[in-house]
Protein backbone atom coordinates (compact mmCIF):
# COMPACT_ATOMS: atom_id res chain seq x y z
CA UNK A 1 122.33 38.22 181.02
CA UNK A 2 122.60 39.37 184.64
CA UNK A 3 119.66 39.26 187.06
CA UNK A 4 118.89 42.98 186.85
CA UNK A 5 119.00 42.86 183.04
CA UNK A 6 116.62 39.90 183.05
CA UNK A 7 114.25 41.67 185.42
CA UNK A 8 114.24 44.82 183.30
CA UNK A 9 113.57 42.77 180.18
CA UNK A 10 110.77 40.79 181.84
CA UNK A 11 109.07 43.94 183.16
CA UNK A 12 109.28 45.71 179.81
CA UNK A 13 107.74 42.74 178.01
CA UNK A 14 104.99 42.24 180.57
CA UNK A 15 104.17 45.96 180.44
CA UNK A 16 103.92 45.91 176.64
CA UNK A 17 102.00 42.63 176.21
CA UNK A 18 99.97 42.50 179.45
CA UNK A 19 100.43 38.68 179.59
CA UNK A 20 103.46 36.68 178.48
CA UNK A 21 104.32 33.01 178.82
CA UNK A 22 107.23 31.69 180.85
CA UNK A 23 108.38 29.74 177.79
CA UNK A 24 108.71 32.89 175.72
CA UNK A 25 110.53 34.69 178.53
CA UNK A 26 112.97 31.79 178.79
CA UNK A 27 113.64 31.95 175.04
CA UNK A 28 114.22 35.71 175.11
CA UNK A 29 116.37 35.86 178.24
CA UNK A 30 118.16 32.53 177.62
CA UNK A 31 117.70 31.76 181.31
CA UNK A 32 117.22 28.22 182.58
CA UNK A 33 113.75 27.18 183.72
CA UNK A 34 114.88 27.21 187.36
CA UNK A 35 116.45 30.67 187.08
CA UNK A 36 113.38 32.09 185.39
CA UNK A 37 111.07 30.62 188.05
CA UNK A 38 113.13 32.34 190.74
CA UNK A 39 113.01 35.63 188.82
CA UNK A 40 109.25 35.49 188.39
CA UNK A 41 108.72 34.52 192.03
CA UNK A 42 110.82 37.47 193.24
CA UNK A 43 109.06 39.91 190.91
CA UNK A 44 105.67 38.62 192.02
CA UNK A 45 106.64 38.91 195.71
CA UNK A 46 107.53 42.56 195.08
CA UNK A 47 104.16 43.17 193.46
CA UNK A 48 105.68 43.93 190.07
CA UNK A 49 103.95 41.10 188.18
CA UNK A 50 101.17 38.61 188.84
CA UNK A 51 101.77 34.89 188.34
CA UNK A 52 99.25 33.18 186.05
CA UNK A 53 99.14 29.67 184.62
CA UNK A 54 102.10 29.29 182.28
CA UNK A 55 103.44 32.81 182.68
CA UNK A 56 102.97 36.24 184.22
CA UNK A 57 100.56 39.14 183.90
CA UNK A 58 100.97 42.89 184.26
CA UNK A 59 99.81 44.41 187.54
CA UNK A 60 97.24 47.21 187.33
CA UNK A 61 95.33 48.52 184.31
CA UNK A 62 96.64 47.71 180.86
CA UNK A 63 98.79 50.39 179.28
CA UNK A 64 97.54 52.54 176.45
CA UNK A 65 97.58 50.94 173.02
CA UNK A 66 101.06 50.40 171.67
CA UNK A 67 102.73 48.37 168.98
CA UNK A 68 102.65 44.68 169.87
CA UNK A 69 106.39 44.18 169.78
CA UNK A 70 109.31 44.55 172.15
CA UNK A 71 110.74 48.00 172.73
CA UNK A 72 113.98 48.99 171.06
CA UNK A 73 115.71 49.32 174.45
CA UNK A 74 114.84 45.75 175.41
CA UNK A 75 115.70 44.27 172.01
CA UNK A 76 119.04 46.08 171.83
CA UNK A 77 120.17 44.56 175.13
CA UNK A 78 119.50 40.99 173.99
CA UNK A 79 122.19 38.95 172.22
CA UNK A 80 124.20 42.08 171.37
CA UNK A 81 127.40 40.30 170.31
CA UNK A 82 125.54 37.96 167.99
CA UNK A 83 123.70 40.88 166.41
CA UNK A 84 126.91 42.85 165.96
CA UNK A 85 128.61 39.95 164.15
CA UNK A 86 125.56 39.51 161.90
CA UNK A 87 125.43 43.25 161.16
CA UNK A 88 129.12 43.34 160.22
CA UNK A 89 128.57 40.59 157.66
CA UNK A 90 125.49 42.35 156.28
CA UNK A 91 127.37 45.59 155.65
CA UNK A 92 130.06 43.62 153.79
CA UNK A 93 127.41 42.97 151.12
CA UNK A 94 126.99 46.69 150.38
CA UNK A 95 128.89 48.55 147.69
CA UNK A 96 129.42 52.31 147.52
CA UNK A 97 126.89 54.00 145.28
CA UNK A 98 124.07 51.54 146.03
CA UNK A 99 120.60 52.51 147.17
CA UNK A 100 119.48 50.30 150.05
CA UNK A 101 116.71 50.05 152.62
CA UNK A 102 117.38 49.35 156.30
CA UNK A 103 114.30 48.41 158.29
CA UNK A 104 114.24 49.48 161.92
CA UNK A 105 115.41 46.92 164.47
CA UNK A 106 118.07 46.16 167.05
CA UNK A 107 120.15 43.99 164.70
CA UNK A 108 119.99 46.45 161.82
CA UNK A 109 120.96 49.23 164.24
CA UNK A 110 124.32 47.50 164.71
CA UNK A 111 124.95 48.07 161.00
CA UNK A 112 125.54 51.76 161.78
CA UNK A 113 128.96 51.03 163.26
CA UNK A 114 130.13 49.44 160.00
CA UNK A 115 128.49 51.94 157.64
CA UNK A 116 130.47 54.97 158.79
CA UNK A 117 132.92 54.86 155.89
CA UNK A 118 130.33 53.90 153.26
CA UNK A 119 128.87 56.12 150.55
CA UNK A 120 125.32 54.83 150.12
CA UNK A 121 121.83 56.15 149.66
CA UNK A 122 119.86 54.70 152.58
CA UNK A 123 116.13 54.73 153.17
CA UNK A 124 115.31 53.77 156.75
CA UNK A 125 112.21 53.91 158.92
CA UNK A 126 114.39 53.84 162.04
CA UNK A 127 114.73 57.19 163.78
CA UNK A 128 117.76 55.87 165.71
CA UNK A 129 119.56 54.57 162.60
CA UNK A 130 118.91 57.78 160.69
CA UNK A 131 120.10 60.00 163.54
CA UNK A 132 123.30 57.99 164.07
CA UNK A 133 124.18 57.86 160.35
CA UNK A 134 123.56 61.58 159.87
CA UNK A 135 125.96 62.33 162.72
CA UNK A 136 128.59 59.67 162.04
CA UNK A 137 128.73 59.17 158.27
CA UNK A 138 128.45 60.79 154.85
CA UNK A 139 125.76 58.42 153.62
CA UNK A 140 122.69 60.03 152.11
CA UNK A 141 119.75 59.36 154.44
CA UNK A 142 116.07 59.31 153.45
CA UNK A 143 113.17 58.99 155.89
CA UNK A 144 109.56 58.02 155.14
CA UNK A 145 106.71 60.18 156.38
CA UNK A 146 104.68 59.07 159.35
CA UNK A 147 104.45 58.95 163.12
CA UNK A 148 107.41 58.18 165.39
CA UNK A 149 106.76 55.28 167.76
CA UNK A 150 109.10 56.04 170.63
CA UNK A 151 109.33 52.57 172.20
CA UNK A 152 110.47 50.98 168.93
CA UNK A 153 112.19 54.10 167.55
CA UNK A 154 110.57 53.63 164.17
CA UNK A 155 108.51 55.80 161.83
CA UNK A 156 105.28 54.28 160.51
CA UNK A 157 102.63 55.69 158.20
CA UNK A 158 99.05 54.40 157.95
CA UNK A 159 98.74 55.69 154.38
CA UNK A 160 99.31 53.76 151.15
CA UNK A 161 100.74 56.74 149.31
CA UNK A 162 103.84 58.24 150.89
CA UNK A 163 107.38 59.31 150.03
CA UNK A 164 108.76 55.80 149.56
CA UNK A 165 106.63 55.03 146.49
CA UNK A 166 109.26 56.51 144.15
CA UNK A 167 112.29 54.92 145.86
CA UNK A 168 114.03 51.86 144.45
CA UNK A 169 116.71 49.83 146.20
CA UNK A 170 119.00 46.98 145.27
CA UNK A 171 118.79 45.48 148.78
CA UNK A 172 116.61 45.65 151.86
CA UNK A 173 117.97 44.59 155.24
CA UNK A 174 115.51 43.54 157.93
CA UNK A 175 114.80 41.13 160.74
CA UNK A 176 111.42 40.00 162.12
CA UNK A 177 109.78 38.87 165.32
CA UNK A 178 110.21 35.28 164.14
CA UNK A 179 111.01 33.13 161.10
CA UNK A 180 109.18 29.89 160.33
CA UNK A 181 107.79 27.75 157.51
CA UNK A 182 105.37 30.52 156.49
CA UNK A 183 108.19 33.08 156.28
CA UNK A 184 108.83 36.28 158.19
CA UNK A 185 106.35 36.96 160.99
CA UNK A 186 105.66 40.11 163.02
CA UNK A 187 103.52 40.72 166.07
CA UNK A 188 101.83 43.95 165.04
CA UNK A 189 99.72 44.55 161.90
CA UNK A 190 100.97 48.13 161.44
CA UNK A 191 104.59 46.97 161.46
CA UNK A 192 103.82 44.08 159.10
CA UNK A 193 102.08 46.43 156.67
CA UNK A 194 104.89 48.99 156.77
CA UNK A 195 107.53 46.32 156.15
CA UNK A 196 105.57 44.90 153.21
CA UNK A 197 105.48 48.39 151.67
CA UNK A 198 109.25 48.74 152.06
CA UNK A 199 109.78 45.28 150.56
CA UNK A 200 107.92 46.33 147.43
CA UNK A 201 110.68 48.89 146.74
CA UNK A 202 113.65 46.48 146.98
CA UNK A 203 115.05 43.93 144.55
CA UNK A 204 116.72 41.60 147.07
CA UNK A 205 115.72 40.92 150.66
CA UNK A 206 118.52 40.19 153.12
CA UNK A 207 117.32 39.00 156.52
CA UNK A 208 119.57 39.56 159.54
CA UNK A 209 118.32 37.42 162.41
CA UNK A 210 119.98 36.02 165.50
CA UNK A 211 119.27 32.42 166.45
CA UNK A 212 116.47 33.35 168.90
CA UNK A 213 114.27 34.33 165.96
CA UNK A 214 113.49 30.72 165.05
CA UNK A 215 111.10 30.26 167.97
CA UNK A 216 107.42 30.70 166.97
CA UNK A 217 106.16 34.17 167.90
CA UNK A 218 103.83 36.68 166.34
CA UNK A 219 100.89 36.15 164.00
CA UNK A 220 101.26 38.61 161.10
CA UNK A 221 102.95 37.21 157.99
CA UNK A 222 105.15 39.73 156.17
CA UNK A 223 106.85 37.73 153.41
CA UNK A 224 107.27 34.06 152.43
CA UNK A 225 110.65 32.33 152.61
CA UNK A 226 110.87 32.42 148.83
CA UNK A 227 111.08 36.25 148.97
CA UNK A 228 114.35 36.05 150.94
CA UNK A 229 117.54 36.23 148.90
CA UNK A 230 119.92 35.66 151.82
CA UNK A 231 119.67 35.15 155.57
CA UNK A 232 122.53 35.87 157.97
CA UNK A 233 122.36 34.32 161.43
CA UNK A 234 124.65 33.10 164.20
CA UNK A 235 125.94 29.61 164.93
CA UNK A 236 123.27 29.02 167.56
CA UNK A 237 120.58 28.65 164.89
CA UNK A 238 118.90 25.23 164.96
CA UNK A 239 119.93 22.95 162.07
CA UNK A 240 116.31 22.19 161.14
CA UNK A 241 115.69 25.91 160.58
CA UNK A 242 118.74 26.29 158.34
CA UNK A 243 117.67 23.22 156.33
CA UNK A 244 114.19 24.69 155.97
CA UNK A 245 115.64 27.93 154.59
CA UNK A 246 117.98 26.22 152.15
CA UNK A 247 115.15 24.02 150.86
CA UNK A 248 113.22 27.22 150.12
CA UNK A 249 116.13 28.48 148.02
CA UNK A 250 117.50 30.94 150.59
CA UNK A 251 121.25 31.56 150.70
CA UNK A 252 122.19 30.97 154.35
CA UNK A 253 125.26 32.50 155.98
CA UNK A 254 126.24 31.60 159.53
CA UNK A 255 128.59 33.82 161.56
CA UNK A 256 130.32 33.28 164.88
CA UNK A 257 129.91 35.97 167.52
């Protein structure tokens, strides 16, 4: 990631979370500790962030309430080649005529490229995925009701009863903020609740997650490891994490970007 890309990512994350640790920024940007220190020093000198113990803080009043997760623009720029390779492998699991669910996310968005020739019924809460598939494919697209969250490009409903209650799918594809011993974890309760509702409509859960997802982040559990049928990741995933998944009965597939 180039300097300007790192700076844009750092500023987006600080704006969304108000305070973020240097350790988490290093994990997300894949920058060395020395490089990240220089970045944060330069941003602080320009008055764009404020240095605090262990990280940085947003300058000025906190932004209006938003979902506690990275924006789609930021996420899409990170580890793009890894995500594309994972998405290609995920689409290879689909068969024409199936009904599937694709949860909104930067990795699942890469599935669009490989779904253009498919003939599937797809429920997605991603405004971006739906728009791209409507324009570029003949798949049947279904959207849930709810509010569009622009930063994440997803549609979320606060209500228990909505249009997805009568939908059934053979597979659901999703990622998460992080994956650990307790399962899939998100950073925002509204997202966690919406994903749990989608999961209730799918037979098999297929997790698509690049190797950065195995760092502890977030606090809202979505599903235990035992709910995952298969996980597709890249060859940068730590061996201990892959062992943990296999011990939980998860089928693990590793791709090379």
